[in-house]
């Protein structure tokens, strides 16, 4: 299965006064940048894909078709 198929909905960050100030969207397989003090990236290539994207990739299709 190609895990680069599909998107992950949101990574919420910068909590302030009970609400997250930033939302990051992305695609499986693309790295997620972490802000300082971490200053690194988290790879998403090995994440399990669920939902419609997983069903499509099992059939060899993409969500763009």
Protein backbone atom coordinates (compact mmCIF):
# COMPACT_ATOMS: atom_id res chain seq x y z
CA UNK A 1 0.00 0.00 0.00
CA UNK A 2 1.26 3.46 -0.82
CA UNK A 3 1.02 5.58 2.32
CA UNK A 4 1.61 8.70 0.26
CA UNK A 5 -2.05 8.48 -0.79
CA UNK A 6 -4.34 10.67 1.23
CA UNK A 7 -4.17 13.60 3.56
CA UNK A 8 -4.24 13.93 7.28
CA UNK A 9 -6.82 16.43 8.43
CA UNK A 10 -5.10 18.68 10.91
CA UNK A 11 -2.32 19.09 13.42
CA UNK A 12 -3.35 21.71 15.95
CA UNK A 13 -0.59 23.67 17.67
CA UNK A 14 0.31 26.74 19.72
CA UNK A 15 -2.31 26.35 22.47
CA UNK A 16 -3.22 29.64 24.10
CA UNK A 17 -6.01 30.27 26.59
CA UNK A 18 -7.70 26.94 25.81
CA UNK A 19 -7.60 27.18 22.01
CA UNK A 20 -5.06 26.17 19.38
CA UNK A 21 -3.78 29.07 17.33
CA UNK A 22 -2.33 27.20 14.33
CA UNK A 23 -3.54 24.31 12.19
CA UNK A 24 -1.22 22.44 9.82
CA UNK A 25 -2.63 20.30 6.98
CA UNK A 26 -0.62 17.78 5.01
CA UNK A 27 -0.31 14.63 2.97
CA UNK A 28 0.88 11.25 4.17
CA UNK A 29 4.51 10.83 3.20
CA UNK A 30 5.37 14.51 3.68
CA UNK A 31 7.30 15.53 6.81
CA UNK A 32 5.66 17.61 9.52
CA UNK A 33 7.89 20.45 10.74
CA UNK A 34 8.07 20.88 14.51
CA UNK A 35 8.64 24.37 15.90
CA UNK A 36 11.37 25.36 18.32
CA UNK A 37 12.50 24.19 20.80
CA UNK A 38 12.29 20.92 18.83
CA UNK A 39 13.38 22.23 15.43
CA UNK A 40 12.96 18.86 13.73
CA UNK A 41 10.59 17.09 11.36
CA UNK A 42 8.36 14.07 11.92
CA UNK A 43 8.11 11.73 8.96
CA UNK A 44 4.61 10.52 8.05
CA UNK A 45 5.62 7.90 5.49
CA UNK A 46 5.11 5.02 7.92
CA UNK A 47 1.80 6.24 9.38
CA UNK A 48 -1.21 4.00 8.84
CA UNK A 49 -3.72 5.45 6.39
CA UNK A 50 -7.37 4.97 7.38
CA UNK A 51 -10.67 5.68 5.65
CA UNK A 52 -11.25 6.31 1.96
CA UNK A 53 -7.57 6.92 1.17
CA UNK A 54 -6.69 3.47 2.50
CA UNK A 55 -9.42 1.79 0.47
CA UNK A 56 -8.33 3.57 -2.70
CA UNK A 57 -4.65 2.72 -2.27
CA UNK A 58 -5.49 -0.97 -1.75
CA UNK A 59 -7.22 -0.93 -5.14
CA UNK A 60 -4.29 0.89 -6.76
CA UNK A 61 -6.31 4.06 -7.35
CA UNK A 62 -5.78 7.60 -6.15
CA UNK A 63 -8.27 10.06 -4.73
CA UNK A 64 -7.64 12.32 -7.76
CA UNK A 65 -9.18 9.83 -10.20
